[in-house]
Amino acid sequence: MTESAKIDLTAAAEAVAEMSNENKSESNLADAYVEKPVLNPDAIGSSLLERMPEPTGWRILILPYQGQAKTAGGIFIPDEVKERSQVSTQVGYVLKTGPLAYKDTEKFPSGPWCAEKQWVMFARYAGSRFQIDGGEVRILNDDEILATILSPEDIHHL
């Protein structure tokens, strides 16, 4: 092949690099976890929250806690075990509440049981699960919240 017949592909490589940088600027739910899979609630940006489903009526949008990636002794927990325990997750972070959540004064005479940006406990099979943006979220009814907690690490799963 002669020198004049060679094709310069540097522009194509630059375009691919630019496209990959554009895709990185949009955050997803998986980015909210530090030291995978420990959730950092502060990493949930406003644009990510805006893209989340808006709960209707008396429903609450919950981000389930995924647990630690390794034990206190330093042993890494296999993905299969983490997935199995994720199904039985009973702790989550309140992302959004619906417009009618806790408005029924007869049902909730002492006020709301939880608020946005709180850790809560709920029944093992409560709510509807669905995958969105690299993670699982649940929508629960307002009366399915069992308790508020300070840290999900305080609760031991069975």
N, C-alpha and C. Protein backbone atom coordinates (compact mmCIF):
# COMPACT_ATOMS: atom_id res chain seq x y z
N MET A 1 0.85 -1.17 0.00
CA MET A 1 0.00 0.00 0.00
C MET A 1 0.89 1.23 0.00
N THR A 2 0.53 2.18 -0.80
CA THR A 2 1.35 3.39 -0.90
C THR A 2 1.01 4.34 0.23
N GLU A 3 1.87 5.31 0.43
CA GLU A 3 1.69 6.29 1.50
C GLU A 3 0.41 7.11 1.29
N SER A 4 0.07 7.41 0.05
CA SER A 4 -1.12 8.22 -0.22
C SER A 4 -2.42 7.45 -0.05
N ALA A 5 -2.39 6.11 -0.03
CA ALA A 5 -3.60 5.30 0.08
C ALA A 5 -4.00 5.03 1.54
N LYS A 6 -3.16 5.36 2.50
CA LYS A 6 -3.48 5.14 3.90
C LYS A 6 -4.55 6.14 4.37
N ILE A 7 -5.44 5.66 5.24
CA ILE A 7 -6.53 6.50 5.75
C ILE A 7 -6.20 6.93 7.17
N ASP A 8 -6.43 8.21 7.46
CA ASP A 8 -6.18 8.75 8.79
C ASP A 8 -7.43 8.54 9.65
N LEU A 9 -7.33 7.72 10.72
CA LEU A 9 -8.46 7.40 11.58
C LEU A 9 -8.41 8.13 12.92
N THR A 10 -7.54 9.11 13.07
CA THR A 10 -7.46 9.82 14.35
C THR A 10 -8.75 10.57 14.66
N ALA A 11 -9.41 11.12 13.65
CA ALA A 11 -10.66 11.84 13.90
C ALA A 11 -11.75 10.90 14.40
N ALA A 12 -11.78 9.68 13.89
CA ALA A 12 -12.77 8.70 14.34
C ALA A 12 -12.52 8.32 15.80
N ALA A 13 -11.26 8.11 16.16
CA ALA A 13 -10.92 7.76 17.55
C ALA A 13 -11.30 8.89 18.50
N GLU A 14 -11.07 10.13 18.09
CA GLU A 14 -11.44 11.27 18.92
C GLU A 14 -12.95 11.36 19.10
N ALA A 15 -13.71 11.08 18.04
CA ALA A 15 -15.17 11.13 18.12
C ALA A 15 -15.71 10.05 19.07
N VAL A 16 -15.11 8.87 19.03
CA VAL A 16 -15.54 7.78 19.93
C VAL A 16 -15.24 8.16 21.37
N ALA A 17 -14.07 8.73 21.63
CA ALA A 17 -13.72 9.15 22.99
C ALA A 17 -14.66 10.23 23.48
N GLU A 18 -15.02 11.16 22.62
CA GLU A 18 -15.95 12.23 23.00
C GLU A 18 -17.34 11.67 23.31
N MET A 19 -17.80 10.71 22.53
CA MET A 19 -19.11 10.10 22.77
C MET A 19 -19.12 9.35 24.10
N SER A 20 -18.05 8.65 24.43
CA SER A 20 -18.01 7.92 25.70
C SER A 20 -17.98 8.88 26.88
N ASN A 21 -17.35 10.03 26.74
CA ASN A 21 -17.35 11.04 27.80
C ASN A 21 -18.73 11.63 28.00
N GLU A 22 -19.49 11.83 26.91
CA GLU A 22 -20.86 12.34 27.03
C GLU A 22 -21.73 11.36 27.79
N ASN A 23 -21.57 10.07 27.54
CA ASN A 23 -22.37 9.06 28.22
C ASN A 23 -22.03 8.96 29.69
N LYS A 24 -20.80 9.27 30.07
CA LYS A 24 -20.40 9.20 31.47
C LYS A 24 -20.99 10.34 32.29
N SER A 25 -21.34 11.44 31.66
CA SER A 25 -21.85 12.58 32.41
C SER A 25 -23.24 12.30 32.99
N GLU A 26 -24.01 11.39 32.41
CA GLU A 26 -25.34 11.07 32.92
C GLU A 26 -25.20 9.97 33.97
N SER A 27 -25.61 10.28 35.19
CA SER A 27 -25.45 9.32 36.27
C SER A 27 -26.60 8.32 36.28
N ASN A 28 -26.34 7.16 36.88
CA ASN A 28 -27.40 6.18 37.05
C ASN A 28 -27.40 5.70 38.49
N LEU A 29 -28.34 4.85 38.81
CA LEU A 29 -28.54 4.42 40.18
C LEU A 29 -27.33 3.67 40.73
N ALA A 30 -26.63 2.94 39.89
CA ALA A 30 -25.44 2.21 40.33
C ALA A 30 -24.34 3.15 40.82
N ASP A 31 -24.32 4.39 40.32
CA ASP A 31 -23.31 5.36 40.74
C ASP A 31 -23.53 5.84 42.17
N ALA A 32 -24.70 5.60 42.74
CA ALA A 32 -25.00 6.05 44.10
C ALA A 32 -24.38 5.15 45.16
N TYR A 33 -23.78 4.06 44.73
CA TYR A 33 -23.18 3.12 45.67
C TYR A 33 -21.67 3.35 45.71
N VAL A 34 -21.12 3.53 46.93
CA VAL A 34 -19.68 3.63 47.12
C VAL A 34 -19.21 2.31 47.69
N GLU A 35 -18.01 1.91 47.35
CA GLU A 35 -17.48 0.61 47.77
C GLU A 35 -18.57 -0.42 47.57
N LYS A 36 -18.89 -0.64 46.31
CA LYS A 36 -20.03 -1.46 45.90
C LYS A 36 -20.25 -2.59 46.88
N PRO A 37 -21.43 -2.83 47.36
CA PRO A 37 -22.69 -2.16 47.08
C PRO A 37 -23.18 -1.29 48.23
N VAL A 38 -22.32 -0.53 48.91
CA VAL A 38 -22.76 0.32 50.01
C VAL A 38 -23.29 1.64 49.46
N LEU A 39 -24.53 1.98 49.80
CA LEU A 39 -25.18 3.16 49.27
C LEU A 39 -24.70 4.43 49.96
N ASN A 40 -24.40 5.44 49.16
CA ASN A 40 -24.12 6.77 49.66
C ASN A 40 -25.27 7.66 49.22
N PRO A 41 -26.23 7.96 50.11
CA PRO A 41 -27.40 8.75 49.72
C PRO A 41 -27.06 10.10 49.11
N ASP A 42 -25.94 10.70 49.51
CA ASP A 42 -25.56 12.00 48.98
C ASP A 42 -25.17 11.92 47.50
N ALA A 43 -24.84 10.71 47.01
CA ALA A 43 -24.43 10.55 45.62
C ALA A 43 -25.63 10.46 44.67
N ILE A 44 -26.84 10.45 45.21
CA ILE A 44 -28.03 10.43 44.37
C ILE A 44 -28.31 11.86 43.95
N GLY A 45 -27.91 12.20 42.75
CA GLY A 45 -28.06 13.58 42.27
C GLY A 45 -29.49 13.92 41.94
N SER A 46 -29.74 15.22 41.83
CA SER A 46 -31.11 15.67 41.56
C SER A 46 -31.58 15.21 40.19
N SER A 47 -30.69 15.15 39.20
CA SER A 47 -31.11 14.70 37.87
C SER A 47 -31.51 13.23 37.90
N LEU A 48 -30.83 12.43 38.72
CA LEU A 48 -31.20 11.02 38.85
C LEU A 48 -32.55 10.88 39.53
N LEU A 49 -32.78 11.67 40.57
CA LEU A 49 -34.07 11.64 41.26
C LEU A 49 -35.21 12.09 40.34
N GLU A 50 -34.93 13.05 39.48
CA GLU A 50 -35.95 13.53 38.55
C GLU A 50 -36.35 12.45 37.57
N ARG A 51 -35.42 11.57 37.21
CA ARG A 51 -35.70 10.51 36.25
C ARG A 51 -36.39 9.31 36.89
N MET A 52 -36.41 9.26 38.22
CA MET A 52 -37.08 8.16 38.92
C MET A 52 -38.60 8.30 38.79
N PRO A 53 -39.31 7.19 38.86
CA PRO A 53 -40.77 7.28 38.80
C PRO A 53 -41.33 8.10 39.95
N GLU A 54 -42.36 8.84 39.68
CA GLU A 54 -43.02 9.65 40.71
C GLU A 54 -44.13 8.80 41.33
N PRO A 55 -44.03 8.48 42.64
CA PRO A 55 -45.09 7.66 43.25
C PRO A 55 -46.42 8.41 43.25
N THR A 56 -47.48 7.68 42.97
CA THR A 56 -48.80 8.29 42.95
C THR A 56 -49.54 7.95 44.24
N GLY A 57 -50.52 8.77 44.56
CA GLY A 57 -51.37 8.49 45.71
C GLY A 57 -50.59 8.36 47.00
N TRP A 58 -50.82 7.27 47.72
CA TRP A 58 -50.23 7.05 49.04
C TRP A 58 -48.97 6.18 48.98
N ARG A 59 -48.33 6.12 47.83
CA ARG A 59 -47.17 5.23 47.67
C ARG A 59 -45.85 5.94 47.96
N ILE A 60 -44.82 5.12 48.24
CA ILE A 60 -43.49 5.62 48.59
C ILE A 60 -42.47 4.89 47.73
N LEU A 61 -41.52 5.63 47.15
CA LEU A 61 -40.44 5.04 46.35
C LEU A 61 -39.25 4.77 47.26
N ILE A 62 -38.81 3.50 47.31
CA ILE A 62 -37.74 3.06 48.22
C ILE A 62 -36.58 2.47 47.42
N LEU A 63 -35.36 2.80 47.81
CA LEU A 63 -34.16 2.18 47.25
C LEU A 63 -33.67 1.16 48.27
N PRO A 64 -33.81 -0.16 47.98
CA PRO A 64 -33.39 -1.18 48.95
C PRO A 64 -31.89 -1.15 49.21
N TYR A 65 -31.53 -1.46 50.43
CA TYR A 65 -30.12 -1.54 50.84
C TYR A 65 -29.57 -2.87 50.34
N GLN A 66 -28.36 -2.86 49.79
CA GLN A 66 -27.79 -4.06 49.20
C GLN A 66 -26.80 -4.78 50.10
N GLY A 67 -26.40 -4.22 51.21
CA GLY A 67 -25.49 -4.90 52.11
C GLY A 67 -24.03 -4.70 51.77
N GLN A 68 -23.20 -5.33 52.57
CA GLN A 68 -21.75 -5.19 52.42
C GLN A 68 -21.21 -6.13 51.35
N ALA A 69 -20.09 -5.76 50.75
CA ALA A 69 -19.44 -6.60 49.75
C ALA A 69 -18.54 -7.65 50.40
N LYS A 70 -18.13 -7.41 51.67
CA LYS A 70 -17.31 -8.39 52.37
C LYS A 70 -17.66 -8.39 53.85
N THR A 71 -17.29 -9.47 54.51
CA THR A 71 -17.59 -9.63 55.93
C THR A 71 -16.64 -8.79 56.77
N ALA A 72 -16.91 -8.72 58.07
CA ALA A 72 -16.04 -7.96 58.98
C ALA A 72 -14.63 -8.55 59.01
N GLY A 73 -14.53 -9.84 58.76
CA GLY A 73 -13.23 -10.51 58.73
C GLY A 73 -12.48 -10.34 57.43
N GLY A 74 -13.09 -9.69 56.44
CA GLY A 74 -12.42 -9.42 55.17
C GLY A 74 -12.72 -10.43 54.08
N ILE A 75 -13.64 -11.36 54.30
CA ILE A 75 -13.99 -12.35 53.29
C ILE A 75 -15.02 -11.75 52.34
N PHE A 76 -14.72 -11.82 51.04
CA PHE A 76 -15.64 -11.28 50.05
C PHE A 76 -16.86 -12.20 49.90
N ILE A 77 -18.03 -11.59 49.86
CA ILE A 77 -19.28 -12.34 49.75
C ILE A 77 -19.58 -12.57 48.27
N PRO A 78 -19.83 -13.83 47.87
CA PRO A 78 -20.10 -14.11 46.45
C PRO A 78 -21.36 -13.40 45.95
N ASP A 79 -21.39 -13.10 44.65
CA ASP A 79 -22.52 -12.39 44.05
C ASP A 79 -23.83 -13.15 44.24
N GLU A 80 -23.79 -14.47 44.15
CA GLU A 80 -25.01 -15.27 44.29
C GLU A 80 -25.62 -15.09 45.67
N VAL A 81 -24.79 -15.05 46.70
CA VAL A 81 -25.28 -14.86 48.07
C VAL A 81 -25.84 -13.46 48.22
N LYS A 82 -25.17 -12.46 47.63
CA LYS A 82 -25.66 -11.08 47.71
C LYS A 82 -27.00 -10.95 47.00
N GLU A 83 -27.15 -11.60 45.84
CA GLU A 83 -28.41 -11.54 45.10
C GLU A 83 -29.54 -12.19 45.90
N ARG A 84 -29.23 -13.32 46.54
CA ARG A 84 -30.24 -14.01 47.35
C ARG A 84 -30.67 -13.14 48.53
N SER A 85 -29.71 -12.48 49.17
CA SER A 85 -30.06 -11.63 50.31
C SER A 85 -30.76 -10.36 49.85
N GLN A 86 -30.49 -9.91 48.61
CA GLN A 86 -31.15 -8.71 48.11
C GLN A 86 -32.64 -8.95 47.93
N VAL A 87 -33.03 -10.17 47.55
CA VAL A 87 -34.44 -10.51 47.41
C VAL A 87 -35.14 -10.37 48.75
N SER A 88 -34.45 -10.70 49.83
CA SER A 88 -35.06 -10.65 51.16
C SER A 88 -34.77 -9.33 51.89
N THR A 89 -34.32 -8.32 51.15
CA THR A 89 -34.01 -7.04 51.77
C THR A 89 -35.23 -6.48 52.49
N GLN A 90 -34.99 -6.01 53.69
CA GLN A 90 -36.06 -5.46 54.51
C GLN A 90 -35.76 -4.03 54.94
N VAL A 91 -34.72 -3.45 54.39
CA VAL A 91 -34.29 -2.11 54.76
C VAL A 91 -34.11 -1.31 53.47
N GLY A 92 -34.51 -0.03 53.50
CA GLY A 92 -34.33 0.80 52.31
C GLY A 92 -34.29 2.28 52.65
N TYR A 93 -33.97 3.06 51.63
CA TYR A 93 -33.83 4.51 51.72
C TYR A 93 -35.01 5.15 50.99
N VAL A 94 -35.72 6.04 51.64
CA VAL A 94 -36.89 6.68 51.05
C VAL A 94 -36.42 7.75 50.05
N LEU A 95 -36.74 7.53 48.77
CA LEU A 95 -36.37 8.48 47.73
C LEU A 95 -37.45 9.54 47.52
N LYS A 96 -38.70 9.09 47.41
CA LYS A 96 -39.81 10.00 47.15
C LYS A 96 -41.07 9.49 47.84
N THR A 97 -41.97 10.41 48.15
CA THR A 97 -43.28 10.02 48.68
C THR A 97 -44.36 10.61 47.78
N GLY A 98 -45.45 9.88 47.64
CA GLY A 98 -46.56 10.33 46.83
C GLY A 98 -47.30 11.48 47.48
N PRO A 99 -48.14 12.19 46.73
CA PRO A 99 -48.83 13.37 47.26
C PRO A 99 -49.83 13.06 48.37
N LEU A 100 -50.34 11.84 48.43
CA LEU A 100 -51.32 11.50 49.46
C LEU A 100 -50.73 10.67 50.60
N ALA A 101 -49.42 10.41 50.56
CA ALA A 101 -48.79 9.59 51.60
C ALA A 101 -48.94 10.27 52.96
N TYR A 102 -49.47 9.53 53.90
CA TYR A 102 -49.66 9.96 55.30
C TYR A 102 -50.61 11.15 55.46
N LYS A 103 -51.49 11.41 54.51
CA LYS A 103 -52.45 12.50 54.61
C LYS A 103 -53.72 12.08 55.35
N ASP A 104 -53.97 10.77 55.48
CA ASP A 104 -55.17 10.28 56.16
C ASP A 104 -54.97 10.40 57.67
N THR A 105 -55.61 11.39 58.30
CA THR A 105 -55.41 11.64 59.73
C THR A 105 -56.06 10.57 60.60
N GLU A 106 -57.05 9.85 60.08
CA GLU A 106 -57.64 8.75 60.85
C GLU A 106 -56.69 7.56 60.93
N LYS A 107 -55.99 7.31 59.83
CA LYS A 107 -55.05 6.18 59.77
C LYS A 107 -53.72 6.52 60.44
N PHE A 108 -53.29 7.76 60.33
CA PHE A 108 -52.00 8.22 60.87
C PHE A 108 -52.24 9.42 61.79
N PRO A 109 -52.85 9.22 62.96
CA PRO A 109 -53.19 10.36 63.84
C PRO A 109 -51.96 11.08 64.39
N SER A 110 -50.84 10.37 64.50
CA SER A 110 -49.64 11.02 65.05
C SER A 110 -48.73 11.58 63.96
N GLY A 111 -49.17 11.56 62.71
CA GLY A 111 -48.38 12.11 61.61
C GLY A 111 -47.67 11.04 60.81
N PRO A 112 -46.82 11.46 59.88
CA PRO A 112 -46.13 10.52 58.99
C PRO A 112 -45.21 9.55 59.75
N TRP A 113 -45.14 8.33 59.25
CA TRP A 113 -44.26 7.32 59.85
C TRP A 113 -42.82 7.49 59.37
N CYS A 114 -42.65 8.10 58.19
CA CYS A 114 -41.30 8.35 57.67
C CYS A 114 -41.35 9.54 56.73
N ALA A 115 -40.17 9.99 56.32
CA ALA A 115 -40.06 11.11 55.39
C ALA A 115 -38.98 10.79 54.36
N GLU A 116 -38.90 11.59 53.32
CA GLU A 116 -37.84 11.41 52.32
C GLU A 116 -36.48 11.53 53.00
N LYS A 117 -35.51 10.80 52.47
CA LYS A 117 -34.13 10.78 52.94
C LYS A 117 -33.99 10.11 54.30
N GLN A 118 -34.86 9.15 54.61
CA GLN A 118 -34.75 8.38 55.85
C GLN A 118 -34.58 6.90 55.51
N TRP A 119 -33.87 6.18 56.39
CA TRP A 119 -33.77 4.73 56.28
C TRP A 119 -34.97 4.12 56.98
N VAL A 120 -35.59 3.14 56.34
CA VAL A 120 -36.78 2.51 56.91
C VAL A 120 -36.68 0.99 56.81
N MET A 121 -37.52 0.32 57.62
CA MET A 121 -37.68 -1.13 57.54
C MET A 121 -39.07 -1.40 56.99
N PHE A 122 -39.19 -2.51 56.23
CA PHE A 122 -40.48 -2.91 55.68
C PHE A 122 -40.51 -4.43 55.61
N ALA A 123 -41.68 -4.98 55.37
CA ALA A 123 -41.82 -6.44 55.30
C ALA A 123 -41.05 -6.99 54.11
N ARG A 124 -40.61 -8.22 54.25
CA ARG A 124 -39.75 -8.85 53.25
C ARG A 124 -40.32 -8.81 51.84
N TYR A 125 -41.58 -9.09 51.66
CA TYR A 125 -42.17 -9.14 50.32
C TYR A 125 -43.10 -7.96 50.04
N ALA A 126 -42.93 -6.88 50.76
CA ALA A 126 -43.79 -5.70 50.60
C ALA A 126 -43.47 -4.96 49.30
N GLY A 127 -44.49 -4.37 48.73
CA GLY A 127 -44.31 -3.50 47.58
C GLY A 127 -44.05 -4.21 46.28
N SER A 128 -43.87 -3.40 45.26
CA SER A 128 -43.57 -3.87 43.90
C SER A 128 -42.12 -3.58 43.60
N ARG A 129 -41.39 -4.60 43.12
CA ARG A 129 -39.98 -4.44 42.77
C ARG A 129 -39.85 -4.22 41.27
N PHE A 130 -38.89 -3.35 40.90
CA PHE A 130 -38.55 -3.24 39.48
C PHE A 130 -37.15 -2.69 39.33
N GLN A 131 -36.53 -3.03 38.20
CA GLN A 131 -35.18 -2.60 37.89
C GLN A 131 -35.23 -1.27 37.12
N ILE A 132 -34.37 -0.35 37.50
CA ILE A 132 -34.28 0.93 36.81
C ILE A 132 -32.87 1.47 36.95
N ASP A 133 -32.30 1.91 35.84
CA ASP A 133 -31.01 2.62 35.87
C ASP A 133 -29.91 1.91 36.64
N GLY A 134 -29.78 0.62 36.48
CA GLY A 134 -28.69 -0.11 37.12
C GLY A 134 -28.95 -0.53 38.55
N GLY A 135 -30.17 -0.49 39.01
CA GLY A 135 -30.47 -0.91 40.37
C GLY A 135 -31.94 -1.22 40.55
N GLU A 136 -32.26 -1.79 41.71
CA GLU A 136 -33.65 -2.14 42.01
C GLU A 136 -34.26 -1.08 42.91
N VAL A 137 -35.50 -0.73 42.64
CA VAL A 137 -36.27 0.14 43.53
C VAL A 137 -37.60 -0.54 43.82
N ARG A 138 -38.24 -0.12 44.88
CA ARG A 138 -39.55 -0.65 45.25
C ARG A 138 -40.52 0.49 45.46
N ILE A 139 -41.77 0.22 45.18
CA ILE A 139 -42.84 1.14 45.51
C ILE A 139 -43.71 0.45 46.56
N LEU A 140 -43.82 1.09 47.74
CA LEU A 140 -44.60 0.54 48.85
C LEU A 140 -45.76 1.47 49.18
N ASN A 141 -46.79 0.92 49.78
CA ASN A 141 -47.86 1.74 50.32
C ASN A 141 -47.36 2.40 51.61
N ASP A 142 -47.91 3.54 51.96
CA ASP A 142 -47.44 4.26 53.14
C ASP A 142 -47.60 3.47 54.44
N ASP A 143 -48.57 2.57 54.51
CA ASP A 143 -48.77 1.80 55.74
C ASP A 143 -47.93 0.53 55.81
N GLU A 144 -47.06 0.29 54.82
CA GLU A 144 -46.18 -0.88 54.83
C GLU A 144 -44.84 -0.61 55.51
N ILE A 145 -44.60 0.61 55.94
CA ILE A 145 -43.37 0.96 56.64
C ILE A 145 -43.50 0.45 58.08
N LEU A 146 -42.50 -0.32 58.52
CA LEU A 146 -42.54 -0.89 59.87
C LEU A 146 -41.82 -0.03 60.90
N ALA A 147 -40.71 0.61 60.49
CA ALA A 147 -39.92 1.40 61.43
C ALA A 147 -38.95 2.29 60.67
N THR A 148 -38.48 3.35 61.33
CA THR A 148 -37.38 4.15 60.79
C THR A 148 -36.14 3.76 61.57
N ILE A 149 -35.00 3.78 60.90
CA ILE A 149 -33.73 3.40 61.53
C ILE A 149 -32.67 4.43 61.18
N LEU A 150 -31.59 4.45 61.96
CA LEU A 150 -30.51 5.40 61.70
C LEU A 150 -29.56 4.90 60.63
N SER A 151 -29.26 3.59 60.67
CA SER A 151 -28.31 3.02 59.72
C SER A 151 -28.75 1.61 59.32
N PRO A 152 -28.66 1.27 58.05
CA PRO A 152 -29.04 -0.09 57.64
C PRO A 152 -28.09 -1.14 58.16
N GLU A 153 -26.89 -0.76 58.55
CA GLU A 153 -25.91 -1.71 59.08
C GLU A 153 -26.33 -2.23 60.46
N ASP A 154 -27.24 -1.53 61.13
CA ASP A 154 -27.70 -1.96 62.45
C ASP A 154 -28.64 -3.15 62.38
N ILE A 155 -29.20 -3.41 61.21
CA ILE A 155 -30.19 -4.48 61.05
C ILE A 155 -29.49 -5.70 60.45
N HIS A 156 -29.64 -6.85 61.09
CA HIS A 156 -29.06 -8.09 60.60
C HIS A 156 -30.12 -8.90 59.87
N HIS A 157 -29.83 -9.31 58.64
CA HIS A 157 -30.79 -10.07 57.85
C HIS A 157 -30.69 -11.55 58.20
N LEU A 158 -31.81 -12.22 58.17
CA LEU A 158 -31.83 -13.66 58.42
C LEU A 158 -31.91 -14.43 57.14
